[in-house]
Amino acid sequence: MPQSPALKTVRNDMKTLVKDAQALFAEAAAATGEKADELRARGLTLLEAAAEAAQSAQAAAIEKGKEVAAKTDDYVHENPWRAVAISAGLGLLVGLVIGRSK
């Protein structure tokens, strides 16, 4: 299933945040005093941004799941026998695959 543009953006943002955090931690390992305080503050900012991005991704996934569930529910109500036939066909295919793998 293709990813939504918003989900791709969040994923790219998370990768960038992780890279920035890795660079920050490498720099912080050698720093002391005022420089260490500055790096700590930047690290906390990065962590907050990562948490917000993760929450955004979670919210997008939940919203997409609700949309898919609603569309599926509508489809099943509009086409009950077709839904039963599709489910039976999928069940048969899964049963054949499982039967062959034993």
PDB file of N, CA and C in Angstrom:
ATOM      1  N   MET A   1       0.848  -1.168   0.000  1.00  0.00           N
ATOM      2  CA  MET A   1       0.000   0.000   0.000  1.00  0.00           C
ATOM      3  C   MET A   1       0.900   1.238   0.000  1.00  0.00           C
ATOM      4  N   PRO A   2       0.658   2.208  -0.887  1.00  0.00           N
ATOM      5  CA  PRO A   2       1.482   3.396  -0.944  1.00  0.00           C
ATOM      6  C   PRO A   2       1.303   4.249   0.305  1.00  0.00           C
ATOM      7  N   GLN A   3       2.406   4.901   0.685  1.00  0.00           N
ATOM      8  CA  GLN A   3       2.364   5.762   1.852  1.00  0.00           C
ATOM      9  C   GLN A   3       1.827   7.132   1.470  1.00  0.00           C
ATOM     10  N   SER A   4       1.140   7.755   2.413  1.00  0.00           N
ATOM     11  CA  SER A   4       0.643   9.100   2.165  1.00  0.00           C
ATOM     12  C   SER A   4       1.806  10.079   2.205  1.00  0.00           C
ATOM     13  N   PRO A   5       1.680  11.222   1.523  1.00  0.00           N
ATOM     14  CA  PRO A   5       2.742  12.227   1.552  1.00  0.00           C
ATOM     15  C   PRO A   5       3.065  12.696   2.969  1.00  0.00           C
ATOM     16  N   ALA A   6       2.046  12.822   3.814  1.00  0.00           N
ATOM     17  CA  ALA A   6       2.282  13.264   5.195  1.00  0.00           C
ATOM     18  C   ALA A   6       3.124  12.236   5.946  1.00  0.00           C
ATOM     19  N   LEU A   7       2.843  10.958   5.723  1.00  0.00           N
ATOM     20  CA  LEU A   7       3.585   9.907   6.402  1.00  0.00           C
ATOM     21  C   LEU A   7       5.035   9.869   5.918  1.00  0.00           C
ATOM     22  N   LYS A   8       5.240  10.081   4.616  1.00  0.00           N
ATOM     23  CA  LYS A   8       6.602  10.130   4.085  1.00  0.00           C
ATOM     24  C   LYS A   8       7.369  11.303   4.671  1.00  0.00           C
ATOM     25  N   THR A   9       6.701  12.442   4.808  1.00  0.00           N
ATOM     26  CA  THR A   9       7.340  13.623   5.368  1.00  0.00           C
ATOM     27  C   THR A   9       7.757  13.374   6.809  1.00  0.00           C
ATOM     28  N   VAL A  10       6.856  12.772   7.595  1.00  0.00           N
ATOM     29  CA  VAL A  10       7.175  12.468   8.996  1.00  0.00           C
ATOM     30  C   VAL A  10       8.334  11.484   9.062  1.00  0.00           C
ATOM     31  N   ARG A  11       8.323  10.498   8.193  1.00  0.00           N
ATOM     32  CA  ARG A  11       9.401   9.505   8.178  1.00  0.00           C
ATOM     33  C   ARG A  11      10.745  10.162   7.863  1.00  0.00           C
ATOM     34  N   ASN A  12      10.771  11.044   6.854  1.00  0.00           N
ATOM     35  CA  ASN A  12      11.999  11.755   6.508  1.00  0.00           C
ATOM     36  C   ASN A  12      12.442  12.673   7.645  1.00  0.00           C
ATOM     37  N   ASP A  13      11.485  13.350   8.284  1.00  0.00           N
ATOM     38  CA  ASP A  13      11.808  14.212   9.418  1.00  0.00           C
ATOM     39  C   ASP A  13      12.433  13.405  10.555  1.00  0.00           C
ATOM     40  N   MET A  14      11.889  12.211  10.801  1.00  0.00           N
ATOM     41  CA  MET A  14      12.431  11.361  11.864  1.00  0.00           C
ATOM     42  C   MET A  14      13.864  10.938  11.546  1.00  0.00           C
ATOM     43  N   LYS A  15      14.130  10.592  10.288  1.00  0.00           N
ATOM     44  CA  LYS A  15      15.491  10.212   9.897  1.00  0.00           C
ATOM     45  C   LYS A  15      16.452  11.372  10.120  1.00  0.00           C
ATOM     46  N   THR A  16      16.025  12.575   9.748  1.00  0.00           N
ATOM     47  CA  THR A  16      16.860  13.758   9.927  1.00  0.00           C
ATOM     48  C   THR A  16      17.115  14.014  11.406  1.00  0.00           C
ATOM     49  N   LEU A  17      16.067  13.891  12.222  1.00  0.00           N
ATOM     50  CA  LEU A  17      16.222  14.096  13.655  1.00  0.00           C
ATOM     51  C   LEU A  17      17.196  13.090  14.273  1.00  0.00           C
ATOM     52  N   VAL A  18      17.113  11.851  13.837  1.00  0.00           N
ATOM     53  CA  VAL A  18      18.016  10.830  14.363  1.00  0.00           C
ATOM     54  C   VAL A  18      19.463  11.141  13.982  1.00  0.00           C
ATOM     55  N   LYS A  19      19.684  11.540  12.740  1.00  0.00           N
ATOM     56  CA  LYS A  19      21.042  11.893  12.311  1.00  0.00           C
ATOM     57  C   LYS A  19      21.570  13.085  13.093  1.00  0.00           C
ATOM     58  N   ASP A  20      20.722  14.093  13.280  1.00  0.00           N
ATOM     59  CA  ASP A  20      21.126  15.272  14.054  1.00  0.00           C
ATOM     60  C   ASP A  20      21.451  14.901  15.491  1.00  0.00           C
ATOM     61  N   ALA A  21      20.640  14.034  16.073  1.00  0.00           N
ATOM     62  CA  ALA A  21      20.872  13.600  17.449  1.00  0.00           C
ATOM     63  C   ALA A  21      22.182  12.825  17.565  1.00  0.00           C
ATOM     64  N   GLN A  22      22.477  11.972  16.584  1.00  0.00           N
ATOM     65  CA  GLN A  22      23.733  11.222  16.611  1.00  0.00           C
ATOM     66  C   GLN A  22      24.929  12.163  16.556  1.00  0.00           C
ATOM     67  N   ALA A  23      24.847  13.158  15.686  1.00  0.00           N
ATOM     68  CA  ALA A  23      25.936  14.127  15.591  1.00  0.00           C
ATOM     69  C   ALA A  23      26.070  14.923  16.885  1.00  0.00           C
ATOM     70  N   LEU A  24      24.943  15.284  17.466  1.00  0.00           N
ATOM     71  CA  LEU A  24      24.951  16.041  18.712  1.00  0.00           C
ATOM     72  C   LEU A  24      25.562  15.230  19.842  1.00  0.00           C
ATOM     73  N   PHE A  25      25.211  13.959  19.949  1.00  0.00           N
ATOM     74  CA  PHE A  25      25.761  13.126  21.014  1.00  0.00           C
ATOM     75  C   PHE A  25      27.258  12.891  20.830  1.00  0.00           C
ATOM     76  N   ALA A  26      27.702  12.769  19.593  1.00  0.00           N
ATOM     77  CA  ALA A  26      29.135  12.618  19.342  1.00  0.00           C
ATOM     78  C   ALA A  26      29.884  13.874  19.783  1.00  0.00           C
ATOM     79  N   GLU A  27      29.307  15.041  19.500  1.00  0.00           N
ATOM     80  CA  GLU A  27      29.924  16.302  19.905  1.00  0.00           C
ATOM     81  C   GLU A  27      29.850  16.484  21.417  1.00  0.00           C
ATOM     82  N   ALA A  28      28.756  16.070  22.019  1.00  0.00           N
ATOM     83  CA  ALA A  28      28.572  16.233  23.463  1.00  0.00           C
ATOM     84  C   ALA A  28      29.535  15.366  24.264  1.00  0.00           C
ATOM     85  N   ALA A  29      29.961  14.259  23.698  1.00  0.00           N
ATOM     86  CA  ALA A  29      30.881  13.369  24.402  1.00  0.00           C
ATOM     87  C   ALA A  29      32.208  14.056  24.704  1.00  0.00           C
ATOM     88  N   ALA A  30      32.602  15.005  23.847  1.00  0.00           N
ATOM     89  CA  ALA A  30      33.881  15.687  24.037  1.00  0.00           C
ATOM     90  C   ALA A  30      33.734  17.052  24.710  1.00  0.00           C
ATOM     91  N   ALA A  31      32.520  17.504  24.952  1.00  0.00           N
ATOM     92  CA  ALA A  31      32.297  18.848  25.477  1.00  0.00           C
ATOM     93  C   ALA A  31      32.141  18.862  26.996  1.00  0.00           C
ATOM     94  N   THR A  32      32.502  20.010  27.598  1.00  0.00           N
ATOM     95  CA  THR A  32      32.316  20.222  29.036  1.00  0.00           C
ATOM     96  C   THR A  32      31.846  21.655  29.271  1.00  0.00           C
ATOM     97  N   GLY A  33      31.376  21.916  30.481  1.00  0.00           N
ATOM     98  CA  GLY A  33      31.020  23.273  30.891  1.00  0.00           C
ATOM     99  C   GLY A  33      29.860  23.855  30.118  1.00  0.00           C
ATOM    100  N   GLU A  34      30.035  25.122  29.693  1.00  0.00           N
ATOM    101  CA  GLU A  34      28.974  25.852  29.008  1.00  0.00           C
ATOM    102  C   GLU A  34      28.583  25.195  27.694  1.00  0.00           C
ATOM    103  N   LYS A  35      29.569  24.674  26.995  1.00  0.00           N
ATOM    104  CA  LYS A  35      29.305  23.992  25.724  1.00  0.00           C
ATOM    105  C   LYS A  35      28.418  22.763  25.965  1.00  0.00           C
ATOM    106  N   ALA A  36      28.667  22.039  27.032  1.00  0.00           N
ATOM    107  CA  ALA A  36      27.865  20.863  27.360  1.00  0.00           C
ATOM    108  C   ALA A  36      26.426  21.267  27.664  1.00  0.00           C
ATOM    109  N   ASP A  37      26.246  22.380  28.378  1.00  0.00           N
ATOM    110  CA  ASP A  37      24.895  22.869  28.672  1.00  0.00           C
ATOM    111  C   ASP A  37      24.151  23.219  27.387  1.00  0.00           C
ATOM    112  N   GLU A  38      24.848  23.866  26.461  1.00  0.00           N
ATOM    113  CA  GLU A  38      24.241  24.227  25.176  1.00  0.00           C
ATOM    114  C   GLU A  38      23.834  22.972  24.405  1.00  0.00           C
ATOM    115  N   LEU A  39      24.723  21.983  24.381  1.00  0.00           N
ATOM    116  CA  LEU A  39      24.427  20.739  23.670  1.00  0.00           C
ATOM    117  C   LEU A  39      23.261  19.996  24.316  1.00  0.00           C
ATOM    118  N   ARG A  40      23.190  20.051  25.643  1.00  0.00           N
ATOM    119  CA  ARG A  40      22.099  19.397  26.352  1.00  0.00           C
ATOM    120  C   ARG A  40      20.767  20.053  25.970  1.00  0.00           C
ATOM    121  N   ALA A  41      20.746  21.359  25.910  1.00  0.00           N
ATOM    122  CA  ALA A  41      19.525  22.072  25.528  1.00  0.00           C
ATOM    123  C   ALA A  41      19.116  21.731  24.093  1.00  0.00           C
ATOM    124  N   ARG A  42      20.108  21.686  23.197  1.00  0.00           N
ATOM    125  CA  ARG A  42      19.807  21.309  21.809  1.00  0.00           C
ATOM    126  C   ARG A  42      19.293  19.876  21.745  1.00  0.00           C
ATOM    127  N   GLY A  43      19.872  19.007  22.567  1.00  0.00           N
ATOM    128  CA  GLY A  43      19.424  17.613  22.600  1.00  0.00           C
ATOM    129  C   GLY A  43      17.983  17.492  23.065  1.00  0.00           C
ATOM    130  N   LEU A  44      17.620  18.267  24.089  1.00  0.00           N
ATOM    131  CA  LEU A  44      16.244  18.243  24.572  1.00  0.00           C
ATOM    132  C   LEU A  44      15.286  18.758  23.505  1.00  0.00           C
ATOM    133  N   THR A  45      15.712  19.784  22.764  1.00  0.00           N
ATOM    134  CA  THR A  45      14.889  20.309  21.678  1.00  0.00           C
ATOM    135  C   THR A  45      14.680  19.240  20.602  1.00  0.00           C
ATOM    136  N   LEU A  46      15.746  18.519  20.267  1.00  0.00           N
ATOM    137  CA  LEU A  46      15.638  17.447  19.274  1.00  0.00           C
ATOM    138  C   LEU A  46      14.706  16.340  19.757  1.00  0.00           C
ATOM    139  N   LEU A  47      14.821  15.985  21.025  1.00  0.00           N
ATOM    140  CA  LEU A  47      13.950  14.939  21.572  1.00  0.00           C
ATOM    141  C   LEU A  47      12.489  15.363  21.544  1.00  0.00           C
ATOM    142  N   GLU A  48      12.227  16.635  21.874  1.00  0.00           N
ATOM    143  CA  GLU A  48      10.856  17.125  21.827  1.00  0.00           C
ATOM    144  C   GLU A  48      10.323  17.095  20.394  1.00  0.00           C
ATOM    145  N   ALA A  49      11.170  17.487  19.433  1.00  0.00           N
ATOM    146  CA  ALA A  49      10.752  17.459  18.025  1.00  0.00           C
ATOM    147  C   ALA A  49      10.475  16.026  17.574  1.00  0.00           C
ATOM    148  N   ALA A  50      11.310  15.085  18.016  1.00  0.00           N
ATOM    149  CA  ALA A  50      11.108  13.682  17.650  1.00  0.00           C
ATOM    150  C   ALA A  50       9.807  13.150  18.247  1.00  0.00           C
ATOM    151  N   ALA A  51       9.523  13.532  19.495  1.00  0.00           N
ATOM    152  CA  ALA A  51       8.284  13.080  20.132  1.00  0.00           C
ATOM    153  C   ALA A  51       7.072  13.645  19.393  1.00  0.00           C
ATOM    154  N   GLU A  52       7.141  14.912  18.991  1.00  0.00           N
ATOM    155  CA  GLU A  52       6.040  15.511  18.247  1.00  0.00           C
ATOM    156  C   GLU A  52       5.849  14.827  16.892  1.00  0.00           C
ATOM    157  N   ALA A  53       6.958  14.519  16.227  1.00  0.00           N
ATOM    158  CA  ALA A  53       6.870  13.842  14.932  1.00  0.00           C
ATOM    159  C   ALA A  53       6.276  12.445  15.092  1.00  0.00           C
ATOM    160  N   ALA A  54       6.668  11.750  16.149  1.00  0.00           N
ATOM    161  CA  ALA A  54       6.121  10.413  16.396  1.00  0.00           C
ATOM    162  C   ALA A  54       4.624  10.486  16.683  1.00  0.00           C
ATOM    163  N   GLN A  55       4.211  11.484  17.460  1.00  0.00           N
ATOM    164  CA  GLN A  55       2.789  11.649  17.749  1.00  0.00           C
ATOM    165  C   GLN A  55       2.017  11.989  16.477  1.00  0.00           C
ATOM    166  N   SER A  56       2.626  12.799  15.631  1.00  0.00           N
ATOM    167  CA  SER A  56       1.991  13.159  14.362  1.00  0.00           C
ATOM    168  C   SER A  56       1.817  11.921  13.486  1.00  0.00           C
ATOM    169  N   ALA A  57       2.851  11.085  13.426  1.00  0.00           N
ATOM    170  CA  ALA A  57       2.775   9.860  12.631  1.00  0.00           C
ATOM    171  C   ALA A  57       1.710   8.919  13.193  1.00  0.00           C
ATOM    172  N   GLN A  58       1.649   8.829  14.515  1.00  0.00           N
ATOM    173  CA  GLN A  58       0.643   7.970  15.148  1.00  0.00           C
ATOM    174  C   GLN A  58      -0.757   8.484  14.831  1.00  0.00           C
ATOM    175  N   ALA A  59      -0.954   9.786  14.942  1.00  0.00           N
ATOM    176  CA  ALA A  59      -2.273  10.367  14.663  1.00  0.00           C
ATOM    177  C   ALA A  59      -2.664  10.133  13.203  1.00  0.00           C
ATOM    178  N   ALA A  60      -1.695  10.285  12.285  1.00  0.00           N
ATOM    179  CA  ALA A  60      -1.975  10.056  10.866  1.00  0.00           C
ATOM    180  C   ALA A  60      -2.334   8.597  10.612  1.00  0.00           C
ATOM    181  N   ALA A  61      -1.632   7.684  11.267  1.00  0.00           N
ATOM    182  CA  ALA A  61      -1.913   6.259  11.096  1.00  0.00           C
ATOM    183  C   ALA A  61      -3.294   5.904  11.646  1.00  0.00           C
ATOM    184  N   ILE A  62      -3.636   6.471  12.780  1.00  0.00           N
ATOM    185  CA  ILE A  62      -4.956   6.208  13.367  1.00  0.00           C
ATOM    186  C   ILE A  62      -6.051   6.746  12.458  1.00  0.00           C
ATOM    187  N   GLU A  63      -5.854   7.963  11.951  1.00  0.00           N
ATOM    188  CA  GLU A  63      -6.850   8.570  11.066  1.00  0.00           C
ATOM    189  C   GLU A  63      -7.015   7.743   9.787  1.00  0.00           C
ATOM    190  N   LYS A  64      -5.893   7.306   9.209  1.00  0.00           N
ATOM    191  CA  LYS A  64      -5.952   6.489   8.000  1.00  0.00           C
ATOM    192  C   LYS A  64      -6.652   5.157   8.280  1.00  0.00           C
ATOM    193  N   GLY A  65      -6.372   4.567   9.434  1.00  0.00           N
ATOM    194  CA  GLY A  65      -7.028   3.320   9.814  1.00  0.00           C
ATOM    195  C   GLY A  65      -8.526   3.482   9.951  1.00  0.00           C
ATOM    196  N   LYS A  66      -8.944   4.607  10.531  1.00  0.00           N
ATOM    197  CA  LYS A  66     -10.382   4.876  10.665  1.00  0.00           C
ATOM    198  C   LYS A  66     -11.033   5.043   9.294  1.00  0.00           C
ATOM    199  N   GLU A  67     -10.338   5.727   8.386  1.00  0.00           N
ATOM    200  CA  GLU A  67     -10.867   5.917   7.037  1.00  0.00           C
ATOM    201  C   GLU A  67     -11.041   4.576   6.326  1.00  0.00           C
ATOM    202  N   VAL A  68     -10.020   3.731   6.414  1.00  0.00           N
ATOM    203  CA  VAL A  68     -10.080   2.419   5.766  1.00  0.00           C
ATOM    204  C   VAL A  68     -11.199   1.581   6.375  1.00  0.00           C
ATOM    205  N   ALA A  69     -11.322   1.608   7.693  1.00  0.00           N
ATOM    206  CA  ALA A  69     -12.376   0.840   8.356  1.00  0.00           C
ATOM    207  C   ALA A  69     -13.762   1.326   7.928  1.00  0.00           C
ATOM    208  N   ALA A  70     -13.923   2.631   7.836  1.00  0.00           N
ATOM    209  CA  ALA A  70     -15.222   3.184   7.420  1.00  0.00           C
ATOM    210  C   ALA A  70     -15.548   2.794   5.978  1.00  0.00           C
ATOM    211  N   LYS A  71     -14.550   2.875   5.091  1.00  0.00           N
ATOM    212  CA  LYS A  71     -14.773   2.497   3.689  1.00  0.00           C
ATOM    213  C   LYS A  71     -15.097   1.015   3.570  1.00  0.00           C
ATOM    214  N   THR A  72     -14.391   0.191   4.336  1.00  0.00           N
ATOM    215  CA  THR A  72     -14.649  -1.244   4.318  1.00  0.00           C
ATOM    216  C   THR A  72     -16.050  -1.535   4.831  1.00  0.00           C
ATOM    217  N   ASP A  73     -16.431  -0.878   5.910  1.00  0.00           N
ATOM    218  CA  ASP A  73     -17.770  -1.063   6.469  1.00  0.00           C
ATOM    219  C   ASP A  73     -18.839  -0.670   5.454  1.00  0.00           C
ATOM    220  N   ASP A  74     -18.646   0.464   4.782  1.00  0.00           N
ATOM    221  CA  ASP A  74     -19.604   0.897   3.756  1.00  0.00           C
ATOM    222  C   ASP A  74     -19.690  -0.124   2.622  1.00  0.00           C
ATOM    223  N   TYR A  75     -18.527  -0.613   2.184  1.00  0.00           N
ATOM    224  CA  TYR A  75     -18.497  -1.578   1.087  1.00  0.00           C
ATOM    225  C   TYR A  75     -19.244  -2.852   1.469  1.00  0.00           C
ATOM    226  N   VAL A  76     -18.987  -3.343   2.659  1.00  0.00           N
ATOM    227  CA  VAL A  76     -19.628  -4.586   3.105  1.00  0.00           C
ATOM    228  C   VAL A  76     -21.145  -4.400   3.210  1.00  0.00           C
ATOM    229  N   HIS A  77     -21.572  -3.239   3.695  1.00  0.00           N
ATOM    230  CA  HIS A  77     -23.015  -2.991   3.793  1.00  0.00           C
ATOM    231  C   HIS A  77     -23.666  -2.864   2.410  1.00  0.00           C
ATOM    232  N   GLU A  78     -22.942  -2.296   1.455  1.00  0.00           N
ATOM    233  CA  GLU A  78     -23.481  -2.130   0.108  1.00  0.00           C
ATOM    234  C   GLU A  78     -23.413  -3.420  -0.712  1.00  0.00           C
ATOM    235  N   ASN A  79     -22.436  -4.277  -0.428  1.00  0.00           N
ATOM    236  CA  ASN A  79     -22.207  -5.507  -1.208  1.00  0.00           C
ATOM    237  C   ASN A  79     -21.990  -6.695  -0.270  1.00  0.00           C
ATOM    238  N   PRO A  80     -22.989  -7.093   0.496  1.00  0.00           N
ATOM    239  CA  PRO A  80     -22.761  -8.153   1.485  1.00  0.00           C
ATOM    240  C   PRO A  80     -22.348  -9.491   0.868  1.00  0.00           C
ATOM    241  N   TRP A  81     -22.970  -9.893  -0.215  1.00  0.00           N
ATOM    242  CA  TRP A  81     -22.637 -11.200  -0.796  1.00  0.00           C
ATOM    243  C   TRP A  81     -21.274 -11.183  -1.466  1.00  0.00           C
ATOM    244  N   ARG A  82     -20.930 -10.081  -2.076  1.00  0.00           N
ATOM    245  CA  ARG A  82     -19.595  -9.967  -2.668  1.00  0.00           C
ATOM    246  C   ARG A  82     -18.536 -10.031  -1.567  1.00  0.00           C
ATOM    247  N   ALA A  83     -18.799  -9.373  -0.440  1.00  0.00           N
ATOM    248  CA  ALA A  83     -17.863  -9.399   0.686  1.00  0.00           C
ATOM    249  C   ALA A  83     -17.708 -10.819   1.226  1.00  0.00           C
ATOM    250  N   VAL A  84     -18.818 -11.563   1.289  1.00  0.00           N
ATOM    251  CA  VAL A  84     -18.758 -12.950   1.752  1.00  0.00           C
ATOM    252  C   VAL A  84     -17.933 -13.790   0.776  1.00  0.00           C
ATOM    253  N   ALA A  85     -18.152 -13.592  -0.525  1.00  0.00           N
ATOM    254  CA  ALA A  85     -17.409 -14.349  -1.534  1.00  0.00           C
ATOM    255  C   ALA A  85     -15.919 -14.035  -1.473  1.00  0.00           C
ATOM    256  N   ILE A  86     -15.577 -12.764  -1.322  1.00  0.00           N
ATOM    257  CA  ILE A  86     -14.159 -12.366  -1.226  1.00  0.00           C
ATOM    258  C   ILE A  86     -13.533 -12.988   0.015  1.00  0.00           C
ATOM    259  N   SER A  87     -14.241 -12.919   1.137  1.00  0.00           N
ATOM    260  CA  SER A  87     -13.719 -13.502   2.382  1.00  0.00           C
ATOM    261  C   SER A  87     -13.518 -15.007   2.250  1.00  0.00           C
ATOM    262  N   ALA A  88     -14.470 -15.681   1.629  1.00  0.00           N
ATOM    263  CA  ALA A  88     -14.347 -17.127   1.436  1.00  0.00           C
ATOM    264  C   ALA A  88     -13.164 -17.450   0.527  1.00  0.00           C
ATOM    265  N   GLY A  89     -13.003 -16.669  -0.539  1.00  0.00           N
ATOM    266  CA  GLY A  89     -11.875 -16.885  -1.447  1.00  0.00           C
ATOM    267  C   GLY A  89     -10.541 -16.681  -0.760  1.00  0.00           C
ATOM    268  N   LEU A  90     -10.447 -15.619   0.038  1.00  0.00           N
ATOM    269  CA  LEU A  90      -9.205 -15.382   0.782  1.00  0.00           C
ATOM    270  C   LEU A  90      -8.953 -16.495   1.791  1.00  0.00           C
ATOM    271  N   GLY A  91     -10.023 -16.949   2.450  1.00  0.00           N
ATOM    272  CA  GLY A  91      -9.882 -18.052   3.397  1.00  0.00           C
ATOM    273  C   GLY A  91      -9.391 -19.323   2.719  1.00  0.00           C
ATOM    274  N   LEU A  92      -9.908 -19.596   1.534  1.00  0.00           N
ATOM    275  CA  LEU A  92      -9.479 -20.759   0.769  1.00  0.00           C
ATOM    276  C   LEU A  92      -8.005 -20.652   0.392  1.00  0.00           C
ATOM    277  N   LEU A  93      -7.604 -19.475  -0.097  1.00  0.00           N
ATOM    278  CA  LEU A  93      -6.195 -19.275  -0.469  1.00  0.00           C
ATOM    279  C   LEU A  93      -5.275 -19.435   0.724  1.00  0.00           C
ATOM    280  N   VAL A  94      -5.635 -18.850   1.860  1.00  0.00           N
ATOM    281  CA  VAL A  94      -4.811 -18.975   3.068  1.00  0.00           C
ATOM    282  C   VAL A  94      -4.742 -20.427   3.494  1.00  0.00           C
ATOM    283  N   GLY A  95      -5.875 -21.139   3.425  1.00  0.00           N
ATOM    284  CA  GLY A  95      -5.883 -22.559   3.776  1.00  0.00           C
ATOM    285  C   GLY A  95      -4.996 -23.372   2.871  1.00  0.00           C
ATOM    286  N   LEU A  96      -4.988 -23.090   1.567  1.00  0.00           N
ATOM    287  CA  LEU A  96      -4.114 -23.809   0.635  1.00  0.00           C
ATOM    288  C   LEU A  96      -2.652 -23.540   0.929  1.00  0.00           C
ATOM    289  N   VAL A  97      -2.325 -22.286   1.199  1.00  0.00           N
ATOM    290  CA  VAL A  97      -0.930 -21.935   1.496  1.00  0.00           C
ATOM    291  C   VAL A  97      -0.465 -22.618   2.777  1.00  0.00           C
ATOM    292  N   ILE A  98      -1.299 -22.592   3.790  1.00  0.00           N
ATOM    293  CA  ILE A  98      -0.933 -23.231   5.058  1.00  0.00           C
ATOM    294  C   ILE A  98      -0.829 -24.734   4.864  1.00  0.00           C
ATOM    295  N   GLY A  99      -1.762 -25.316   4.101  1.00  0.00           N
ATOM    296  CA  GLY A  99      -1.734 -26.759   3.856  1.00  0.00           C
ATOM    297  C   GLY A  99      -0.487 -27.208   3.126  1.00  0.00           C
ATOM    298  N   ARG A 100      -0.006 -26.407   2.208  1.00  0.00           N
ATOM    299  CA  ARG A 100       1.200 -26.765   1.444  1.00  0.00           C
ATOM    300  C   ARG A 100       2.483 -26.585   2.254  1.00  0.00           C
ATOM    301  N   SER A 101       2.448 -25.694   3.211  1.00  0.00           N
ATOM    302  CA  SER A 101       3.666 -25.418   3.981  1.00  0.00           C
ATOM    303  C   SER A 101       3.927 -26.456   5.062  1.00  0.00           C
ATOM    304  N   LYS A 102       2.950 -27.305   5.346  1.00  0.00           N
ATOM    305  CA  LYS A 102       3.139 -28.317   6.405  1.00  0.00           C
ATOM    306  C   LYS A 102       3.807 -29.535   5.874  1.00  0.00           C
TER     307      LYS A 102
END
